[in-house]
Amino acid sequence: AVPQTVGLYLGTEDRTIRDVLDELMAGVGGWTGFNRNGALQFGIIDVPSGSDDAEFSASTVFDFARESFQTPPDRIAVGYRRNFTVQTGDDLAAAVNASARAEFAEEFRRVEIQATAITTIYGDSAEPVFLPGLFATQAAASTVASRQLTIYASARNVFRILVKPEVA
């Protein structure tokens, strides 16, 4: 569950329900989709837990290859208090101060969290992974940024495994 308050401006353009749900769930680090029975499901991507779903041995595997290695990001940024009408320069009255101008010029306020242990091992990433959060507060965005950094903090090897049909 995501107990934080989120907000989404639907605007005046036509959008599908699927687009709105995808934007909403992506903004909280989640997903949406239909199960085999056609029921709509929602979920939050979290650190895996529990026991393995399957085990393989040399007698059940036909082919095994490492497809790629994914270096973990050392920084995660999450947006909050989204500005649905970005305004700059002449869009604003002359009386608007510099601080407010800077705020109106950005689509999101951002909170960024860095894992120095990852930076030490793999170096500084050029850009943080950005999640366009729809949160109302910085605290809510920080909570999600911490969760996302925990999820993605490990280096990942992607493997392709071909197993006998009775095992799969």
C-alpha atoms as a PDB file:
ATOM      1  CA  ALA A   1       0.000   0.000   0.000  1.00  0.00           C
ATOM      2  CA  VAL A   2       1.043   3.573  -0.594  1.00  0.00           C
ATOM      3  CA  PRO A   3      -0.334   5.714   2.236  1.00  0.00           C
ATOM      4  CA  GLN A   4       1.029   8.959   0.781  1.00  0.00           C
ATOM      5  CA  THR A   5      -1.270  11.494  -0.888  1.00  0.00           C
ATOM      6  CA  VAL A   6      -0.854  11.773  -4.662  1.00  0.00           C
ATOM      7  CA  GLY A   7      -2.415  14.065  -7.228  1.00  0.00           C
ATOM      8  CA  LEU A   8      -2.928  13.837 -10.969  1.00  0.00           C
ATOM      9  CA  TYR A   9      -4.341  16.547 -13.214  1.00  0.00           C
ATOM     10  CA  LEU A  10      -6.257  14.961 -16.077  1.00  0.00           C
ATOM     11  CA  GLY A  11      -6.470  18.124 -18.199  1.00  0.00           C
ATOM     12  CA  THR A  12      -8.756  18.634 -21.143  1.00  0.00           C
ATOM     13  CA  GLU A  13      -7.188  16.204 -23.638  1.00  0.00           C
ATOM     14  CA  ASP A  14      -8.674  12.758 -24.176  1.00  0.00           C
ATOM     15  CA  ARG A  15      -6.825  10.032 -22.263  1.00  0.00           C
ATOM     16  CA  THR A  16      -7.549   6.375 -21.848  1.00  0.00           C
ATOM     17  CA  ILE A  17      -8.152   4.913 -18.432  1.00  0.00           C
ATOM     18  CA  ARG A  18      -5.107   2.720 -19.038  1.00  0.00           C
ATOM     19  CA  ASP A  19      -2.885   5.794 -19.595  1.00  0.00           C
ATOM     20  CA  VAL A  20      -4.147   7.433 -16.412  1.00  0.00           C
ATOM     21  CA  LEU A  21      -3.667   4.273 -14.331  1.00  0.00           C
ATOM     22  CA  ASP A  22      -0.175   3.705 -15.772  1.00  0.00           C
ATOM     23  CA  GLU A  23       0.864   7.283 -14.958  1.00  0.00           C
ATOM     24  CA  LEU A  24      -0.598   7.052 -11.468  1.00  0.00           C
ATOM     25  CA  MET A  25       1.057   3.736 -10.645  1.00  0.00           C
ATOM     26  CA  ALA A  26       4.416   4.645 -12.235  1.00  0.00           C
ATOM     27  CA  GLY A  27       4.406   7.739 -10.040  1.00  0.00           C
ATOM     28  CA  VAL A  28       4.391   5.606  -6.884  1.00  0.00           C
ATOM     29  CA  GLY A  29       6.755   2.877  -8.084  1.00  0.00           C
ATOM     30  CA  GLY A  30       3.952   0.487  -8.900  1.00  0.00           C
ATOM     31  CA  TRP A  31       2.271  -1.407 -11.702  1.00  0.00           C
ATOM     32  CA  THR A  32      -1.171  -2.256 -13.010  1.00  0.00           C
ATOM     33  CA  GLY A  33      -2.423  -5.029 -15.260  1.00  0.00           C
ATOM     34  CA  PHE A  34      -5.001  -7.718 -15.763  1.00  0.00           C
ATOM     35  CA  ASN A  35      -4.695 -11.246 -14.409  1.00  0.00           C
ATOM     36  CA  ARG A  36      -5.684 -14.420 -16.296  1.00  0.00           C
ATOM     37  CA  ASN A  37      -9.281 -14.055 -15.122  1.00  0.00           C
ATOM     38  CA  GLY A  38      -9.523 -10.517 -16.503  1.00  0.00           C
ATOM     39  CA  ALA A  39      -9.507  -8.805 -13.101  1.00  0.00           C
ATOM     40  CA  LEU A  40      -7.604  -5.520 -12.845  1.00  0.00           C
ATOM     41  CA  GLN A  41      -4.733  -5.689 -10.360  1.00  0.00           C
ATOM     42  CA  PHE A  42      -2.492  -3.046  -8.782  1.00  0.00           C
ATOM     43  CA  GLY A  43       0.792  -3.536  -6.976  1.00  0.00           C
ATOM     44  CA  ILE A  44       3.877  -1.841  -5.642  1.00  0.00           C
ATOM     45  CA  ILE A  45       7.306  -3.017  -6.811  1.00  0.00           C
ATOM     46  CA  ASP A  46       9.243  -4.026  -3.720  1.00  0.00           C
ATOM     47  CA  VAL A  47      12.305  -6.011  -2.676  1.00  0.00           C
ATOM     48  CA  PRO A  48      11.741  -9.731  -3.322  1.00  0.00           C
ATOM     49  CA  SER A  49      11.111 -11.866  -0.272  1.00  0.00           C
ATOM     50  CA  GLY A  50      10.119 -15.442   0.481  1.00  0.00           C
ATOM     51  CA  SER A  51      11.377 -18.673  -0.959  1.00  0.00           C
ATOM     52  CA  ASP A  52      12.487 -19.511  -4.490  1.00  0.00           C
ATOM     53  CA  ASP A  53       9.783 -20.411  -7.007  1.00  0.00           C
ATOM     54  CA  ALA A  54      11.931 -23.030  -8.707  1.00  0.00           C
ATOM     55  CA  GLU A  55      15.293 -24.738  -8.526  1.00  0.00           C
ATOM     56  CA  PHE A  56      17.313 -25.985 -11.482  1.00  0.00           C
ATOM     57  CA  SER A  57      20.131 -28.486 -11.794  1.00  0.00           C
ATOM     58  CA  ALA A  58      22.488 -29.595 -14.567  1.00  0.00           C
ATOM     59  CA  SER A  59      20.031 -32.373 -15.495  1.00  0.00           C
ATOM     60  CA  THR A  60      17.123 -29.936 -16.080  1.00  0.00           C
ATOM     61  CA  VAL A  61      18.932 -27.094 -17.882  1.00  0.00           C
ATOM     62  CA  PHE A  62      19.529 -27.237 -21.660  1.00  0.00           C
ATOM     63  CA  ASP A  63      21.197 -23.858 -22.054  1.00  0.00           C
ATOM     64  CA  PHE A  64      22.388 -21.114 -19.746  1.00  0.00           C
ATOM     65  CA  ALA A  65      23.869 -17.755 -20.717  1.00  0.00           C
ATOM     66  CA  ARG A  66      24.436 -14.404 -19.087  1.00  0.00           C
ATOM     67  CA  GLU A  67      22.697 -11.772 -21.234  1.00  0.00           C
ATOM     68  CA  SER A  68      23.838  -8.630 -19.460  1.00  0.00           C
ATOM     69  CA  PHE A  69      25.188  -7.044 -16.308  1.00  0.00           C
ATOM     70  CA  GLN A  70      23.340  -4.056 -14.872  1.00  0.00           C
ATOM     71  CA  THR A  71      25.248  -1.662 -12.651  1.00  0.00           C
ATOM     72  CA  PRO A  72      23.064  -0.314  -9.855  1.00  0.00           C
ATOM     73  CA  PRO A  73      22.284   3.404  -9.839  1.00  0.00           C
ATOM     74  CA  ASP A  74      23.895   5.318  -7.006  1.00  0.00           C
ATOM     75  CA  ARG A  75      21.154   7.960  -6.967  1.00  0.00           C
ATOM     76  CA  ILE A  76      17.364   7.925  -7.148  1.00  0.00           C
ATOM     77  CA  ALA A  77      15.320  11.106  -7.610  1.00  0.00           C
ATOM     78  CA  VAL A  78      11.586  11.276  -7.059  1.00  0.00           C
ATOM     79  CA  GLY A  79       9.363  14.146  -8.105  1.00  0.00           C
ATOM     80  CA  TYR A  80       6.717  15.738  -5.914  1.00  0.00           C
ATOM     81  CA  ARG A  81       4.308  18.692  -6.042  1.00  0.00           C
ATOM     82  CA  ARG A  82       4.112  18.455  -9.818  1.00  0.00           C
ATOM     83  CA  ASN A  83       3.578  21.707 -11.668  1.00  0.00           C
ATOM     84  CA  PHE A  84       1.142  20.905 -14.480  1.00  0.00           C
ATOM     85  CA  THR A  85       1.610  24.374 -16.031  1.00  0.00           C
ATOM     86  CA  VAL A  86       5.313  25.167 -16.364  1.00  0.00           C
ATOM     87  CA  GLN A  87       5.810  28.930 -16.691  1.00  0.00           C
ATOM     88  CA  THR A  88       8.944  30.926 -17.480  1.00  0.00           C
ATOM     89  CA  GLY A  89      10.016  34.433 -18.473  1.00  0.00           C
ATOM     90  CA  ASP A  90       7.164  36.534 -19.857  1.00  0.00           C
ATOM     91  CA  ASP A  91       4.586  33.948 -18.716  1.00  0.00           C
ATOM     92  CA  LEU A  92       4.948  35.410 -15.218  1.00  0.00           C
ATOM     93  CA  ALA A  93       4.198  38.875 -13.877  1.00  0.00           C
ATOM     94  CA  ALA A  94       7.166  41.106 -13.168  1.00  0.00           C
ATOM     95  CA  ALA A  95       6.346  41.094  -9.443  1.00  0.00           C
ATOM     96  CA  VAL A  96       7.045  37.346  -9.111  1.00  0.00           C
ATOM     97  CA  ASN A  97      10.268  36.902  -7.116  1.00  0.00           C
ATOM     98  CA  ALA A  98      13.258  34.800  -8.238  1.00  0.00           C
ATOM     99  CA  SER A  99      12.501  31.920  -5.886  1.00  0.00           C
ATOM    100  CA  ALA A 100       8.932  31.580  -7.167  1.00  0.00           C
ATOM    101  CA  ARG A 101      10.135  31.935 -10.786  1.00  0.00           C
ATOM    102  CA  ALA A 102      12.517  29.003 -10.294  1.00  0.00           C
ATOM    103  CA  GLU A 103       9.698  26.931  -8.790  1.00  0.00           C
ATOM    104  CA  PHE A 104       7.247  27.720 -11.629  1.00  0.00           C
ATOM    105  CA  ALA A 105       9.895  26.907 -14.265  1.00  0.00           C
ATOM    106  CA  GLU A 106      10.215  23.261 -13.175  1.00  0.00           C
ATOM    107  CA  GLU A 107       7.684  20.495 -13.762  1.00  0.00           C
ATOM    108  CA  PHE A 108       8.595  18.774 -10.484  1.00  0.00           C
ATOM    109  CA  ARG A 109      10.204  19.558  -7.222  1.00  0.00           C
ATOM    110  CA  ARG A 110      12.691  16.762  -6.623  1.00  0.00           C
ATOM    111  CA  VAL A 111      14.120  14.831  -3.750  1.00  0.00           C
ATOM    112  CA  GLU A 112      17.307  12.901  -4.458  1.00  0.00           C
ATOM    113  CA  ILE A 113      18.891  10.153  -2.386  1.00  0.00           C
ATOM    114  CA  GLN A 114      22.415   8.840  -2.945  1.00  0.00           C
ATOM    115  CA  ALA A 115      23.963   5.556  -1.836  1.00  0.00           C
ATOM    116  CA  THR A 116      27.611   6.398  -1.198  1.00  0.00           C
ATOM    117  CA  ALA A 117      28.511   2.695  -0.913  1.00  0.00           C
ATOM    118  CA  ILE A 118      27.374   2.166  -4.522  1.00  0.00           C
ATOM    119  CA  THR A 119      29.243   5.298  -5.657  1.00  0.00           C
ATOM    120  CA  THR A 120      32.404   3.970  -3.983  1.00  0.00           C
ATOM    121  CA  ILE A 121      32.174   0.616  -5.794  1.00  0.00           C
ATOM    122  CA  TYR A 122      30.846   1.621  -9.236  1.00  0.00           C
ATOM    123  CA  GLY A 123      31.525   5.353  -9.489  1.00  0.00           C
ATOM    124  CA  ASP A 124      29.160   8.290  -9.789  1.00  0.00           C
ATOM    125  CA  SER A 125      26.324   7.818 -12.272  1.00  0.00           C
ATOM    126  CA  ALA A 126      25.833  10.671 -14.729  1.00  0.00           C
ATOM    127  CA  GLU A 127      22.140  11.155 -13.944  1.00  0.00           C
ATOM    128  CA  PRO A 128      19.988   9.775 -11.156  1.00  0.00           C
ATOM    129  CA  VAL A 129      17.166   7.401 -11.978  1.00  0.00           C
ATOM    130  CA  PHE A 130      14.114   9.679 -11.961  1.00  0.00           C
ATOM    131  CA  LEU A 131      10.643   8.604 -10.887  1.00  0.00           C
ATOM    132  CA  PRO A 132       8.050  11.263 -11.816  1.00  0.00           C
ATOM    133  CA  GLY A 133       6.202  11.006  -8.520  1.00  0.00           C
ATOM    134  CA  LEU A 134       2.802  12.529  -8.045  1.00  0.00           C
ATOM    135  CA  PHE A 135       3.246  13.098  -4.315  1.00  0.00           C
ATOM    136  CA  ALA A 136       2.063  16.150  -2.449  1.00  0.00           C
ATOM    137  CA  THR A 137       4.951  16.295   0.025  1.00  0.00           C
ATOM    138  CA  GLN A 138       8.725  15.975   0.085  1.00  0.00           C
ATOM    139  CA  ALA A 139       8.474  13.437   2.918  1.00  0.00           C
ATOM    140  CA  ALA A 140       6.315  11.138   0.778  1.00  0.00           C
ATOM    141  CA  ALA A 141       8.750  11.415  -2.140  1.00  0.00           C
ATOM    142  CA  SER A 142      11.677  10.678   0.219  1.00  0.00           C
ATOM    143  CA  THR A 143       9.972   7.513   1.463  1.00  0.00           C
ATOM    144  CA  VAL A 144       9.526   6.222  -2.076  1.00  0.00           C
ATOM    145  CA  ALA A 145      13.069   7.257  -3.091  1.00  0.00           C
ATOM    146  CA  SER A 146      14.468   5.235  -0.172  1.00  0.00           C
ATOM    147  CA  ARG A 147      12.370   2.206  -1.159  1.00  0.00           C
ATOM    148  CA  GLN A 148      13.460   2.481  -4.813  1.00  0.00           C
ATOM    149  CA  LEU A 149      17.139   2.773  -3.857  1.00  0.00           C
ATOM    150  CA  THR A 150      16.801  -0.359  -1.703  1.00  0.00           C
ATOM    151  CA  ILE A 151      15.219  -2.240  -4.628  1.00  0.00           C
ATOM    152  CA  TYR A 152      17.844  -1.204  -7.179  1.00  0.00           C
ATOM    153  CA  ALA A 153      20.914  -1.100  -4.880  1.00  0.00           C
ATOM    154  CA  SER A 154      22.279  -4.459  -6.021  1.00  0.00           C
ATOM    155  CA  ALA A 155      24.110  -5.174  -9.250  1.00  0.00           C
ATOM    156  CA  ARG A 156      22.015  -7.439 -11.461  1.00  0.00           C
ATOM    157  CA  ASN A 157      23.002 -10.192 -13.832  1.00  0.00           C
ATOM    158  CA  VAL A 158      20.362 -11.050 -16.410  1.00  0.00           C
ATOM    159  CA  PHE A 159      20.434 -14.697 -17.461  1.00  0.00           C
ATOM    160  CA  ARG A 160      18.667 -16.682 -20.152  1.00  0.00           C
ATOM    161  CA  ILE A 161      17.923 -20.236 -19.053  1.00  0.00           C
ATOM    162  CA  LEU A 162      16.383 -22.932 -21.238  1.00  0.00           C
ATOM    163  CA  VAL A 163      14.939 -25.762 -19.127  1.00  0.00           C
ATOM    164  CA  LYS A 164      13.102 -28.996 -19.862  1.00  0.00           C
ATOM    165  CA  PRO A 165       9.330 -28.423 -20.293  1.00  0.00           C
ATOM    166  CA  GLU A 166       8.312 -30.482 -17.246  1.00  0.00           C
ATOM    167  CA  VAL A 167      10.413 -28.191 -15.014  1.00  0.00           C
ATOM    168  CA  ALA A 168       9.090 -24.891 -16.392  1.00  0.00           C
END
